[in-house]
Amino acid sequence: MQQALDAFLDDHEPQLLAMAAELAPLAAEVRSFLSGGKRLRPGFCFWGHLGAGGEDADAVVRAAAALEMFQAAAIIHDDVMDGSDTRRGRPAVHKRFAALHDESGWQGSADQFGAGAAILLGDLCLSWSDEMLVGSGLVNEASRTVFDSMRAELMAGQYLDLLEQVSGHGTVESALRVARYKSAKYTIVEPLHLGGTTAGASQRVLDAYTAYGLPLGIAFQLRDDILGVFGDPDVTGKPAGDDLREGKRTALVAMALQRASAAQADLVRRKLGDPDLDPDGVAELRQVLVETGAVDDVEQLISASTQEALAALDDSIADEAREVLRDLAVEATVRAV
């Protein structure tokens, strides 16, 4: 996977630098950003291809790598929208470009420059993701439709997520709706379908992928919600409690508010979304999430959803791929905090 990404960047970096030497920071940042990450989406794409009878070939690796390029675009833009300071244990892209502005002594707002540069870099990755997919040589009408639908669904999910944060009255149902489009379909279902359609998957295989991917994707997002509150920064790459400072209206928060006392609910509404929330404030909000039983409820839902996903893996999927998908289900949902 990394070789496919590096080869693409090796081909395209000279094109940027030929336009202007000042584009070097863009080229360096995208290369650095694409050197890490969990690589779940390419993994599901690759095994979706093999599970449908496709061959293990360089072409499917290049197609799967297009998902990692698109994920880079999504994360870079997401961090701008959320105002996140860090990503993967280092400053977020918009913060790195803001620092470049300061170090260079340029005029105007460093933050505005950083946000603008990050948006443009995300747009570049979005464009390149399409080029990578087409360049794989595996694209057909069905896989093209999957890729286009996936990108539209993620953008819709991102907007719904923004609404959750500003409306102030999110429900468990609305939070799970965001999780369906922003995580479940984007992270698992559509990558599986992309891999499957490049191999000419039957409808039975695609249906099995959907039955597996939707509940597993929900479980993946719920685990991410817990990590966003209780996760170890050395594991998550983000400060402890960062989702609380960003005011994330997750299913975890919605479940807590359903059961909270008046005093607990007031505390959540006052402190959730406070960008200056200190460790004591994080600890208070964590206590509410635990005492209301919301954490236990989410853990039970993760377990039930994962079991539902595993039960959907049937013999329509090639044996080796089926076993790997079982392992990926564990990797996606049983992550240490």
C-alpha atoms as a PDB file:
ATOM      1  CA  MET A   1       0.000   0.000   0.000  1.00  0.00           C
ATOM      2  CA  GLN A   2       2.683   2.497   0.979  1.00  0.00           C
ATOM      3  CA  GLN A   3       4.631   1.646  -2.172  1.00  0.00           C
ATOM      4  CA  ALA A   4       1.595   2.447  -4.312  1.00  0.00           C
ATOM      5  CA  LEU A   5       1.106   5.798  -2.594  1.00  0.00           C
ATOM      6  CA  ASP A   6       4.809   6.654  -2.778  1.00  0.00           C
ATOM      7  CA  ALA A   7       4.956   5.743  -6.467  1.00  0.00           C
ATOM      8  CA  PHE A   8       1.988   8.005  -7.210  1.00  0.00           C
ATOM      9  CA  LEU A   9       3.547  10.894  -5.291  1.00  0.00           C
ATOM     10  CA  ASP A  10       6.911  10.307  -6.986  1.00  0.00           C
ATOM     11  CA  ASP A  11       5.143  10.807 -10.321  1.00  0.00           C
ATOM     12  CA  HIS A  12       3.112  13.854  -9.277  1.00  0.00           C
ATOM     13  CA  GLU A  13       5.446  15.814  -7.014  1.00  0.00           C
ATOM     14  CA  PRO A  14       7.606  17.004  -9.952  1.00  0.00           C
ATOM     15  CA  GLN A  15       4.465  18.376 -11.605  1.00  0.00           C
ATOM     16  CA  LEU A  16       3.815  20.579  -8.576  1.00  0.00           C
ATOM     17  CA  LEU A  17       7.401  21.742  -8.257  1.00  0.00           C
ATOM     18  CA  ALA A  18       7.566  22.529 -11.973  1.00  0.00           C
ATOM     19  CA  MET A  19       4.794  25.079 -11.443  1.00  0.00           C
ATOM     20  CA  ALA A  20       6.566  26.849  -8.575  1.00  0.00           C
ATOM     21  CA  ALA A  21       9.201  26.015  -5.968  1.00  0.00           C
ATOM     22  CA  GLU A  22       6.896  27.522  -3.336  1.00  0.00           C
ATOM     23  CA  LEU A  23       4.639  24.449  -3.680  1.00  0.00           C
ATOM     24  CA  ALA A  24       7.263  22.275  -1.989  1.00  0.00           C
ATOM     25  CA  PRO A  25       5.547  22.475   1.441  1.00  0.00           C
ATOM     26  CA  LEU A  26       2.329  21.121  -0.095  1.00  0.00           C
ATOM     27  CA  ALA A  27       4.170  18.196  -1.642  1.00  0.00           C
ATOM     28  CA  ALA A  28       6.053  17.477   1.577  1.00  0.00           C
ATOM     29  CA  GLU A  29       2.926  17.660   3.722  1.00  0.00           C
ATOM     30  CA  VAL A  30       0.859  15.266   1.639  1.00  0.00           C
ATOM     31  CA  ARG A  31       3.736  12.767   1.590  1.00  0.00           C
ATOM     32  CA  SER A  32       4.152  13.027   5.343  1.00  0.00           C
ATOM     33  CA  PHE A  33       0.422  12.743   5.977  1.00  0.00           C
ATOM     34  CA  LEU A  34       0.106   9.622   3.834  1.00  0.00           C
ATOM     35  CA  SER A  35       2.884   7.834   5.719  1.00  0.00           C
ATOM     36  CA  GLY A  36       0.608   6.805   8.600  1.00  0.00           C
ATOM     37  CA  GLY A  37      -2.917   5.801   9.544  1.00  0.00           C
ATOM     38  CA  LYS A  38      -4.824   2.598  10.258  1.00  0.00           C
ATOM     39  CA  ARG A  39      -5.417   1.798   6.547  1.00  0.00           C
ATOM     40  CA  LEU A  40      -8.742   0.095   7.353  1.00  0.00           C
ATOM     41  CA  ARG A  41     -10.544   1.265   4.214  1.00  0.00           C
ATOM     42  CA  PRO A  42      -7.918   0.009   1.774  1.00  0.00           C
ATOM     43  CA  GLY A  43      -7.833  -3.237   3.740  1.00  0.00           C
ATOM     44  CA  PHE A  44     -11.573  -3.763   3.381  1.00  0.00           C
ATOM     45  CA  CYS A  45     -11.338  -2.893  -0.321  1.00  0.00           C
ATOM     46  CA  PHE A  46      -8.512  -5.357  -0.912  1.00  0.00           C
ATOM     47  CA  TRP A  47     -10.250  -8.230   0.867  1.00  0.00           C
ATOM     48  CA  GLY A  48     -13.569  -7.300  -0.703  1.00  0.00           C
ATOM     49  CA  HIS A  49     -11.881  -7.894  -4.048  1.00  0.00           C
ATOM     50  CA  LEU A  50     -10.396 -11.235  -3.028  1.00  0.00           C
ATOM     51  CA  GLY A  51     -13.581 -12.300  -1.269  1.00  0.00           C
ATOM     52  CA  ALA A  52     -15.440 -11.936  -4.574  1.00  0.00           C
ATOM     53  CA  GLY A  53     -12.941 -14.122  -6.413  1.00  0.00           C
ATOM     54  CA  GLY A  54     -10.548 -11.419  -7.568  1.00  0.00           C
ATOM     55  CA  GLU A  55      -6.822 -11.935  -7.832  1.00  0.00           C
ATOM     56  CA  ASP A  56      -4.142 -10.590  -5.515  1.00  0.00           C
ATOM     57  CA  ALA A  57      -2.536  -8.127  -7.914  1.00  0.00           C
ATOM     58  CA  ASP A  58      -0.845  -4.737  -7.951  1.00  0.00           C
ATOM     59  CA  ALA A  59      -3.897  -3.233  -9.645  1.00  0.00           C
ATOM     60  CA  VAL A  60      -6.213  -3.835  -6.686  1.00  0.00           C
ATOM     61  CA  VAL A  61      -3.586  -2.399  -4.326  1.00  0.00           C
ATOM     62  CA  ARG A  62      -3.544   0.790  -6.418  1.00  0.00           C
ATOM     63  CA  ALA A  63      -7.353   0.925  -6.381  1.00  0.00           C
ATOM     64  CA  ALA A  64      -7.387   0.428  -2.613  1.00  0.00           C
ATOM     65  CA  ALA A  65      -4.734   3.130  -2.195  1.00  0.00           C
ATOM     66  CA  ALA A  66      -7.160   5.597  -3.803  1.00  0.00           C
ATOM     67  CA  LEU A  67      -9.286   5.206  -0.674  1.00  0.00           C
ATOM     68  CA  GLU A  68      -6.343   6.222   1.502  1.00  0.00           C
ATOM     69  CA  MET A  69      -5.825   9.301  -0.656  1.00  0.00           C
ATOM     70  CA  PHE A  70      -9.502  10.174  -0.245  1.00  0.00           C
ATOM     71  CA  GLN A  71      -9.281   9.536   3.501  1.00  0.00           C
ATOM     72  CA  ALA A  72      -6.464  12.076   3.656  1.00  0.00           C
ATOM     73  CA  ALA A  73      -8.741  14.659   2.038  1.00  0.00           C
ATOM     74  CA  ALA A  74     -11.559  13.847   4.461  1.00  0.00           C
ATOM     75  CA  ILE A  75      -9.360  14.052   7.567  1.00  0.00           C
ATOM     76  CA  ILE A  76      -7.631  17.269   6.548  1.00  0.00           C
ATOM     77  CA  HIS A  77     -10.988  18.958   5.951  1.00  0.00           C
ATOM     78  CA  ASP A  78     -12.520  17.417   9.092  1.00  0.00           C
ATOM     79  CA  ASP A  79      -9.767  18.874  11.269  1.00  0.00           C
ATOM     80  CA  VAL A  80     -10.376  22.329   9.808  1.00  0.00           C
ATOM     81  CA  MET A  81     -14.124  22.065  10.488  1.00  0.00           C
ATOM     82  CA  ASP A  82     -13.588  20.804  14.037  1.00  0.00           C
ATOM     83  CA  GLY A  83     -10.742  23.193  14.818  1.00  0.00           C
ATOM     84  CA  SER A  84      -8.615  20.235  15.900  1.00  0.00           C
ATOM     85  CA  ASP A  85      -5.076  21.001  17.009  1.00  0.00           C
ATOM     86  CA  THR A  86      -3.585  17.558  16.503  1.00  0.00           C
ATOM     87  CA  ARG A  87      -3.891  14.489  14.320  1.00  0.00           C
ATOM     88  CA  ARG A  88      -1.920  11.236  14.630  1.00  0.00           C
ATOM     89  CA  GLY A  89       0.201  12.667  17.413  1.00  0.00           C
ATOM     90  CA  ARG A  90       1.361  15.764  15.537  1.00  0.00           C
ATOM     91  CA  PRO A  91      -0.099  19.182  14.684  1.00  0.00           C
ATOM     92  CA  ALA A  92      -3.058  19.035  12.297  1.00  0.00           C
ATOM     93  CA  VAL A  93      -2.343  20.149   8.743  1.00  0.00           C
ATOM     94  CA  HIS A  94      -3.941  23.585   9.144  1.00  0.00           C
ATOM     95  CA  LYS A  95      -1.843  24.140  12.270  1.00  0.00           C
ATOM     96  CA  ARG A  96       1.350  23.165  10.454  1.00  0.00           C
ATOM     97  CA  PHE A  97       0.660  25.694   7.697  1.00  0.00           C
ATOM     98  CA  ALA A  98      -0.224  28.345  10.272  1.00  0.00           C
ATOM     99  CA  ALA A  99       3.157  27.683  11.873  1.00  0.00           C
ATOM    100  CA  LEU A 100       4.826  28.041   8.460  1.00  0.00           C
ATOM    101  CA  HIS A 101       3.160  31.450   8.119  1.00  0.00           C
ATOM    102  CA  ASP A 102       4.482  32.541  11.512  1.00  0.00           C
ATOM    103  CA  GLU A 103       7.979  31.199  10.910  1.00  0.00           C
ATOM    104  CA  SER A 104       8.146  32.966   7.548  1.00  0.00           C
ATOM    105  CA  GLY A 105       7.034  36.316   8.929  1.00  0.00           C
ATOM    106  CA  TRP A 106       4.266  36.646   6.353  1.00  0.00           C
ATOM    107  CA  GLN A 107       1.479  39.223   6.494  1.00  0.00           C
ATOM    108  CA  GLY A 108      -2.121  38.651   7.567  1.00  0.00           C
ATOM    109  CA  SER A 109      -3.687  35.968   9.727  1.00  0.00           C
ATOM    110  CA  ALA A 110      -1.655  32.800  10.233  1.00  0.00           C
ATOM    111  CA  ASP A 111      -4.796  30.859  11.166  1.00  0.00           C
ATOM    112  CA  GLN A 112      -6.626  31.963   8.039  1.00  0.00           C
ATOM    113  CA  PHE A 113      -3.663  31.027   5.876  1.00  0.00           C
ATOM    114  CA  GLY A 114      -3.395  27.662   7.596  1.00  0.00           C
ATOM    115  CA  ALA A 115      -7.071  26.866   7.077  1.00  0.00           C
ATOM    116  CA  GLY A 116      -6.947  27.941   3.436  1.00  0.00           C
ATOM    117  CA  ALA A 117      -3.838  25.892   2.701  1.00  0.00           C
ATOM    118  CA  ALA A 118      -5.330  22.822   4.387  1.00  0.00           C
ATOM    119  CA  ILE A 119      -8.552  23.109   2.393  1.00  0.00           C
ATOM    120  CA  LEU A 120      -6.579  23.317  -0.831  1.00  0.00           C
ATOM    121  CA  LEU A 121      -4.382  20.366   0.123  1.00  0.00           C
ATOM    122  CA  GLY A 122      -7.503  18.348   0.954  1.00  0.00           C
ATOM    123  CA  ASP A 123      -8.971  19.283  -2.418  1.00  0.00           C
ATOM    124  CA  LEU A 124      -5.761  18.149  -4.105  1.00  0.00           C
ATOM    125  CA  CYS A 125      -5.965  14.770  -2.351  1.00  0.00           C
ATOM    126  CA  LEU A 126      -9.618  14.501  -3.369  1.00  0.00           C
ATOM    127  CA  SER A 127      -8.671  15.062  -7.015  1.00  0.00           C
ATOM    128  CA  TRP A 128      -5.764  12.654  -6.804  1.00  0.00           C
ATOM    129  CA  SER A 129      -7.953   9.938  -5.270  1.00  0.00           C
ATOM    130  CA  ASP A 130     -10.016   9.870  -8.437  1.00  0.00           C
ATOM    131  CA  GLU A 131      -6.887   9.785 -10.575  1.00  0.00           C
ATOM    132  CA  MET A 132      -5.475   6.893  -8.540  1.00  0.00           C
ATOM    133  CA  LEU A 133      -8.648   4.851  -8.892  1.00  0.00           C
ATOM    134  CA  VAL A 134      -8.866   5.342 -12.646  1.00  0.00           C
ATOM    135  CA  GLY A 135      -5.149   4.669 -12.997  1.00  0.00           C
ATOM    136  CA  SER A 136      -5.520   1.274 -11.328  1.00  0.00           C
ATOM    137  CA  GLY A 137      -7.090  -0.078 -14.503  1.00  0.00           C
ATOM    138  CA  LEU A 138      -9.831  -1.887 -12.547  1.00  0.00           C
ATOM    139  CA  VAL A 139     -12.611   0.669 -12.852  1.00  0.00           C
ATOM    140  CA  ASN A 140     -15.892  -0.444 -14.363  1.00  0.00           C
ATOM    141  CA  GLU A 141     -19.346   1.116 -14.272  1.00  0.00           C
ATOM    142  CA  ALA A 142     -20.291  -0.603 -11.026  1.00  0.00           C
ATOM    143  CA  SER A 143     -17.104   0.354  -9.170  1.00  0.00           C
ATOM    144  CA  ARG A 144     -17.313   3.924 -10.469  1.00  0.00           C
ATOM    145  CA  THR A 145     -20.842   4.192  -9.053  1.00  0.00           C
ATOM    146  CA  VAL A 146     -19.705   2.851  -5.683  1.00  0.00           C
ATOM    147  CA  PHE A 147     -16.805   5.320  -5.467  1.00  0.00           C
ATOM    148  CA  ASP A 148     -18.967   8.291  -6.413  1.00  0.00           C
ATOM    149  CA  SER A 149     -21.736   7.303  -3.981  1.00  0.00           C
ATOM    150  CA  MET A 150     -19.248   6.793  -1.171  1.00  0.00           C
ATOM    151  CA  ARG A 151     -17.835  10.289  -1.544  1.00  0.00           C
ATOM    152  CA  ALA A 152     -21.276  11.908  -1.702  1.00  0.00           C
ATOM    153  CA  GLU A 153     -22.461   9.969   1.349  1.00  0.00           C
ATOM    154  CA  LEU A 154     -19.447  11.020   3.382  1.00  0.00           C
ATOM    155  CA  MET A 155     -20.011  14.695   2.584  1.00  0.00           C
ATOM    156  CA  ALA A 156     -23.673  14.323   3.586  1.00  0.00           C
ATOM    157  CA  GLY A 157     -22.640  12.578   6.791  1.00  0.00           C
ATOM    158  CA  GLN A 158     -20.153  15.328   7.587  1.00  0.00           C
ATOM    159  CA  TYR A 159     -22.851  17.973   7.185  1.00  0.00           C
ATOM    160  CA  LEU A 160     -25.232  16.026   9.410  1.00  0.00           C
ATOM    161  CA  ASP A 161     -22.434  15.824  11.970  1.00  0.00           C
ATOM    162  CA  LEU A 162     -22.043  19.609  11.873  1.00  0.00           C
ATOM    163  CA  LEU A 163     -25.776  19.963  12.457  1.00  0.00           C
ATOM    164  CA  GLU A 164     -25.587  17.619  15.457  1.00  0.00           C
ATOM    165  CA  GLN A 165     -23.016  19.870  17.068  1.00  0.00           C
ATOM    166  CA  VAL A 166     -24.859  23.146  16.565  1.00  0.00           C
ATOM    167  CA  SER A 167     -28.481  22.090  17.067  1.00  0.00           C
ATOM    168  CA  GLY A 168     -27.932  21.181  20.712  1.00  0.00           C
ATOM    169  CA  HIS A 169     -30.705  18.580  20.814  1.00  0.00           C
ATOM    170  CA  GLY A 170     -29.234  15.500  19.186  1.00  0.00           C
ATOM    171  CA  THR A 171     -30.755  12.123  19.863  1.00  0.00           C
ATOM    172  CA  VAL A 172     -29.324   8.626  19.886  1.00  0.00           C
ATOM    173  CA  GLU A 173     -31.139   7.982  16.606  1.00  0.00           C
ATOM    174  CA  SER A 174     -29.746  11.083  14.898  1.00  0.00           C
ATOM    175  CA  ALA A 175     -26.227  10.323  16.150  1.00  0.00           C
ATOM    176  CA  LEU A 176     -26.461   6.790  14.758  1.00  0.00           C
ATOM    177  CA  ARG A 177     -27.700   8.232  11.458  1.00  0.00           C
ATOM    178  CA  VAL A 178     -24.491  10.276  11.259  1.00  0.00           C
ATOM    179  CA  ALA A 179     -22.500   7.157  12.116  1.00  0.00           C
ATOM    180  CA  ARG A 180     -24.195   5.252   9.290  1.00  0.00           C
ATOM    181  CA  TYR A 181     -23.017   7.638   6.580  1.00  0.00           C
ATOM    182  CA  LYS A 182     -19.862   9.128   8.092  1.00  0.00           C
ATOM    183  CA  SER A 183     -18.474   5.842   9.313  1.00  0.00           C
ATOM    184  CA  ALA A 184     -20.363   2.612   8.603  1.00  0.00           C
ATOM    185  CA  LYS A 185     -20.864   2.981   4.871  1.00  0.00           C
ATOM    186  CA  TYR A 186     -17.736   5.022   4.216  1.00  0.00           C
ATOM    187  CA  THR A 187     -15.347   2.951   6.316  1.00  0.00           C
ATOM    188  CA  ILE A 188     -16.532  -0.573   5.618  1.00  0.00           C
ATOM    189  CA  VAL A 189     -19.521  -1.112   3.312  1.00  0.00           C
ATOM    190  CA  GLU A 190     -18.432   0.980   0.345  1.00  0.00           C
ATOM    191  CA  PRO A 191     -14.756  -0.104   0.443  1.00  0.00           C
ATOM    192  CA  LEU A 192     -15.945  -3.735   0.439  1.00  0.00           C
ATOM    193  CA  HIS A 193     -18.304  -2.985  -2.440  1.00  0.00           C
ATOM    194  CA  LEU A 194     -15.567  -1.145  -4.331  1.00  0.00           C
ATOM    195  CA  GLY A 195     -13.258  -4.127  -4.040  1.00  0.00           C
ATOM    196  CA  GLY A 196     -16.078  -6.538  -4.828  1.00  0.00           C
ATOM    197  CA  THR A 197     -17.300  -4.724  -7.938  1.00  0.00           C
ATOM    198  CA  THR A 198     -13.789  -4.535  -9.388  1.00  0.00           C
ATOM    199  CA  ALA A 199     -13.839  -8.348  -9.218  1.00  0.00           C
ATOM    200  CA  GLY A 200     -17.369  -8.690 -10.661  1.00  0.00           C
ATOM    201  CA  ALA A 201     -18.960  -9.678  -7.347  1.00  0.00           C
ATOM    202  CA  SER A 202     -22.369 -11.366  -7.394  1.00  0.00           C
ATOM    203  CA  GLN A 203     -25.318  -9.668  -5.695  1.00  0.00           C
ATOM    204  CA  ARG A 204     -25.193 -12.329  -2.983  1.00  0.00           C
ATOM    205  CA  VAL A 205     -21.621 -11.361  -2.101  1.00  0.00           C
ATOM    206  CA  LEU A 206     -22.454  -7.642  -2.123  1.00  0.00           C
ATOM    207  CA  ASP A 207     -25.467  -8.280   0.126  1.00  0.00           C
ATOM    208  CA  ALA A 208     -23.243 -10.216   2.540  1.00  0.00           C
ATOM    209  CA  TYR A 209     -20.782  -7.317   2.555  1.00  0.00           C
ATOM    210  CA  THR A 210     -23.594  -4.896   3.416  1.00  0.00           C
ATOM    211  CA  ALA A 211     -24.978  -7.125   6.177  1.00  0.00           C
ATOM    212  CA  TYR A 212     -21.481  -7.374   7.627  1.00  0.00           C
ATOM    213  CA  GLY A 213     -20.381  -3.796   7.048  1.00  0.00           C
ATOM    214  CA  LEU A 214     -23.292  -1.754   8.381  1.00  0.00           C
ATOM    215  CA  PRO A 215     -23.364  -3.099  11.955  1.00  0.00           C
ATOM    216  CA  LEU A 216     -19.575  -3.323  12.064  1.00  0.00           C
ATOM    217  CA  GLY A 217     -19.284   0.285  10.901  1.00  0.00           C
ATOM    218  CA  ILE A 218     -21.639   1.401  13.658  1.00  0.00           C
ATOM    219  CA  ALA A 219     -19.572  -0.541  16.192  1.00  0.00           C
ATOM    220  CA  PHE A 220     -16.395   1.057  14.787  1.00  0.00           C
ATOM    221  CA  GLN A 221     -17.815   4.562  15.238  1.00  0.00           C
ATOM    222  CA  LEU A 222     -19.099   3.831  18.736  1.00  0.00           C
ATOM    223  CA  ARG A 223     -15.632   2.604  19.718  1.00  0.00           C
ATOM    224  CA  ASP A 224     -14.209   5.792  18.242  1.00  0.00           C
ATOM    225  CA  ASP A 225     -16.677   7.816  20.338  1.00  0.00           C
ATOM    226  CA  ILE A 226     -15.408   6.158  23.525  1.00  0.00           C
ATOM    227  CA  LEU A 227     -11.783   6.688  22.502  1.00  0.00           C
ATOM    228  CA  GLY A 228     -12.531  10.359  21.822  1.00  0.00           C
ATOM    229  CA  VAL A 229     -13.434  10.774  25.494  1.00  0.00           C
ATOM    230  CA  PHE A 230     -11.422   8.154  27.373  1.00  0.00           C
ATOM    231  CA  GLY A 231      -8.601   7.352  24.950  1.00  0.00           C
ATOM    232  CA  ASP A 232      -4.917   7.508  25.756  1.00  0.00           C
ATOM    233  CA  PRO A 233      -3.357  10.352  23.713  1.00  0.00           C
ATOM    234  CA  ASP A 234      -0.367   8.111  22.974  1.00  0.00           C
ATOM    235  CA  VAL A 235      -2.792   5.680  21.295  1.00  0.00           C
ATOM    236  CA  THR A 236      -5.295   8.059  19.694  1.00  0.00           C
ATOM    237  CA  GLY A 237      -2.843  10.798  18.671  1.00  0.00           C
ATOM    238  CA  LYS A 238      -5.200  13.461  20.063  1.00  0.00           C
ATOM    239  CA  PRO A 239      -5.391  15.170  23.482  1.00  0.00           C
ATOM    240  CA  ALA A 240      -7.478  13.417  26.131  1.00  0.00           C
ATOM    241  CA  GLY A 241     -11.128  14.459  25.958  1.00  0.00           C
ATOM    242  CA  ASP A 242     -10.740  16.320  22.678  1.00  0.00           C
ATOM    243  CA  ASP A 243     -14.204  15.269  21.472  1.00  0.00           C
ATOM    244  CA  LEU A 244     -15.649  16.929  24.576  1.00  0.00           C
ATOM    245  CA  ARG A 245     -13.901  20.219  23.785  1.00  0.00           C
ATOM    246  CA  GLU A 246     -15.148  20.012  20.202  1.00  0.00           C
ATOM    247  CA  GLY A 247     -18.718  19.418  21.409  1.00  0.00           C
ATOM    248  CA  LYS A 248     -19.184  16.133  19.562  1.00  0.00           C
ATOM    249  CA  ARG A 249     -22.844  15.081  19.863  1.00  0.00           C
ATOM    250  CA  THR A 250     -22.171  11.387  19.762  1.00  0.00           C
ATOM    251  CA  ALA A 251     -24.477   8.508  20.607  1.00  0.00           C
ATOM    252  CA  LEU A 252     -22.492   8.213  23.844  1.00  0.00           C
ATOM    253  CA  VAL A 253     -23.410  11.761  24.850  1.00  0.00           C
ATOM    254  CA  ALA A 254     -27.023  11.351  23.718  1.00  0.00           C
ATOM    255  CA  MET A 255     -27.420   8.178  25.795  1.00  0.00           C
ATOM    256  CA  ALA A 256     -26.026   9.973  28.842  1.00  0.00           C
ATOM    257  CA  LEU A 257     -28.422  12.908  28.437  1.00  0.00           C
ATOM    258  CA  GLN A 258     -31.374  10.513  28.178  1.00  0.00           C
ATOM    259  CA  ARG A 259     -30.646   9.217  31.680  1.00  0.00           C
ATOM    260  CA  ALA A 260     -28.996  12.232  33.285  1.00  0.00           C
ATOM    261  CA  SER A 261     -30.383  13.999  36.327  1.00  0.00           C
ATOM    262  CA  ALA A 262     -31.163  17.686  35.974  1.00  0.00           C
ATOM    263  CA  ALA A 263     -27.816  18.571  37.551  1.00  0.00           C
ATOM    264  CA  GLN A 264     -25.904  16.161  35.316  1.00  0.00           C
ATOM    265  CA  ALA A 265     -27.649  17.397  32.177  1.00  0.00           C
ATOM    266  CA  ASP A 266     -26.899  21.003  33.129  1.00  0.00           C
ATOM    267  CA  LEU A 267     -23.222  20.157  33.599  1.00  0.00           C
ATOM    268  CA  VAL A 268     -23.048  18.491  30.171  1.00  0.00           C
ATOM    269  CA  ARG A 269     -24.727  21.423  28.455  1.00  0.00           C
ATOM    270  CA  ARG A 270     -22.434  23.950  30.150  1.00  0.00           C
ATOM    271  CA  LYS A 271     -19.154  22.188  29.574  1.00  0.00           C
ATOM    272  CA  LEU A 272     -19.589  20.193  26.357  1.00  0.00           C
ATOM    273  CA  GLY A 273     -18.049  22.152  23.493  1.00  0.00           C
ATOM    274  CA  ASP A 274     -15.932  24.427  25.708  1.00  0.00           C
ATOM    275  CA  PRO A 275     -12.626  24.769  23.821  1.00  0.00           C
ATOM    276  CA  ASP A 276     -10.905  25.722  27.099  1.00  0.00           C
ATOM    277  CA  LEU A 277     -12.144  22.684  29.002  1.00  0.00           C
ATOM    278  CA  ASP A 278      -9.457  21.738  31.524  1.00  0.00           C
ATOM    279  CA  PRO A 279      -8.605  18.263  32.878  1.00  0.00           C
ATOM    280  CA  ASP A 280     -11.001  18.712  35.804  1.00  0.00           C
ATOM    281  CA  GLY A 281     -13.824  19.548  33.405  1.00  0.00           C
ATOM    282  CA  VAL A 282     -12.974  16.499  31.280  1.00  0.00           C
ATOM    283  CA  ALA A 283     -13.057  14.364  34.428  1.00  0.00           C
ATOM    284  CA  GLU A 284     -16.495  15.748  35.403  1.00  0.00           C
ATOM    285  CA  LEU A 285     -17.976  14.959  32.002  1.00  0.00           C
ATOM    286  CA  ARG A 286     -16.426  11.507  31.998  1.00  0.00           C
ATOM    287  CA  GLN A 287     -18.005  10.858  35.389  1.00  0.00           C
ATOM    288  CA  VAL A 288     -21.457  11.714  34.029  1.00  0.00           C
ATOM    289  CA  LEU A 289     -20.995   9.393  31.063  1.00  0.00           C
ATOM    290  CA  VAL A 290     -20.024   6.553  33.389  1.00  0.00           C
ATOM    291  CA  GLU A 291     -22.556   7.167  36.159  1.00  0.00           C
ATOM    292  CA  THR A 292     -25.525   7.381  33.781  1.00  0.00           C
ATOM    293  CA  GLY A 293     -24.624   3.978  32.356  1.00  0.00           C
ATOM    294  CA  ALA A 294     -24.003   5.427  28.889  1.00  0.00           C
ATOM    295  CA  VAL A 295     -20.534   3.876  28.594  1.00  0.00           C
ATOM    296  CA  ASP A 296     -21.861   0.433  29.525  1.00  0.00           C
ATOM    297  CA  ASP A 297     -24.741   0.816  27.052  1.00  0.00           C
ATOM    298  CA  VAL A 298     -22.364   1.752  24.245  1.00  0.00           C
ATOM    299  CA  GLU A 299     -20.071  -1.166  25.050  1.00  0.00           C
ATOM    300  CA  GLN A 300     -23.054  -3.540  24.878  1.00  0.00           C
ATOM    301  CA  LEU A 301     -24.132  -2.048  21.546  1.00  0.00           C
ATOM    302  CA  ILE A 302     -20.587  -2.439  20.193  1.00  0.00           C
ATOM    303  CA  SER A 303     -20.567  -6.093  21.199  1.00  0.00           C
ATOM    304  CA  ALA A 304     -24.028  -6.807  19.760  1.00  0.00           C
ATOM    305  CA  SER A 305     -23.282  -4.989  16.493  1.00  0.00           C
ATOM    306  CA  THR A 306     -19.977  -6.808  16.073  1.00  0.00           C
ATOM    307  CA  GLN A 307     -21.646 -10.181  16.611  1.00  0.00           C
ATOM    308  CA  GLU A 308     -24.327  -9.247  14.063  1.00  0.00           C
ATOM    309  CA  ALA A 309     -21.589  -8.408  11.557  1.00  0.00           C
ATOM    310  CA  LEU A 310     -19.710 -11.658  12.115  1.00  0.00           C
ATOM    311  CA  ALA A 311     -22.902 -13.683  11.680  1.00  0.00           C
ATOM    312  CA  ALA A 312     -23.333 -12.179   8.197  1.00  0.00           C
ATOM    313  CA  LEU A 313     -20.090 -13.684   6.873  1.00  0.00           C
ATOM    314  CA  ASP A 314     -21.289 -16.674   4.868  1.00  0.00           C
ATOM    315  CA  ASP A 315     -19.805 -19.076   2.327  1.00  0.00           C
ATOM    316  CA  SER A 316     -20.565 -16.741  -0.569  1.00  0.00           C
ATOM    317  CA  ILE A 317     -17.298 -15.020   0.432  1.00  0.00           C
ATOM    318  CA  ALA A 318     -14.030 -16.784  -0.401  1.00  0.00           C
ATOM    319  CA  ASP A 319     -12.616 -18.650   2.597  1.00  0.00           C
ATOM    320  CA  GLU A 320      -9.377 -16.714   3.083  1.00  0.00           C
ATOM    321  CA  ALA A 321     -11.120 -13.347   2.796  1.00  0.00           C
ATOM    322  CA  ARG A 322     -13.866 -14.441   5.182  1.00  0.00           C
ATOM    323  CA  GLU A 323     -11.304 -15.276   7.866  1.00  0.00           C
ATOM    324  CA  VAL A 324      -9.476 -11.986   7.378  1.00  0.00           C
ATOM    325  CA  LEU A 325     -12.759 -10.073   7.619  1.00  0.00           C
ATOM    326  CA  ARG A 326     -13.346 -11.770  10.965  1.00  0.00           C
ATOM    327  CA  ASP A 327      -9.958 -10.514  12.140  1.00  0.00           C
ATOM    328  CA  LEU A 328     -10.640  -7.007  10.783  1.00  0.00           C
ATOM    329  CA  ALA A 329     -13.886  -6.886  12.749  1.00  0.00           C
ATOM    330  CA  VAL A 330     -11.873  -7.343  15.938  1.00  0.00           C
ATOM    331  CA  GLU A 331      -9.223  -4.832  14.877  1.00  0.00           C
ATOM    332  CA  ALA A 332     -11.888  -2.225  14.102  1.00  0.00           C
ATOM    333  CA  THR A 333     -13.836  -2.537  17.338  1.00  0.00           C
ATOM    334  CA  VAL A 334     -11.569  -3.859  20.089  1.00  0.00           C
ATOM    335  CA  ARG A 335      -9.124  -0.991  20.392  1.00  0.00           C
ATOM    336  CA  ALA A 336      -7.442  -0.157  23.702  1.00  0.00           C
ATOM    337  CA  VAL A 337      -8.170   3.156  25.366  1.00  0.00           C
END
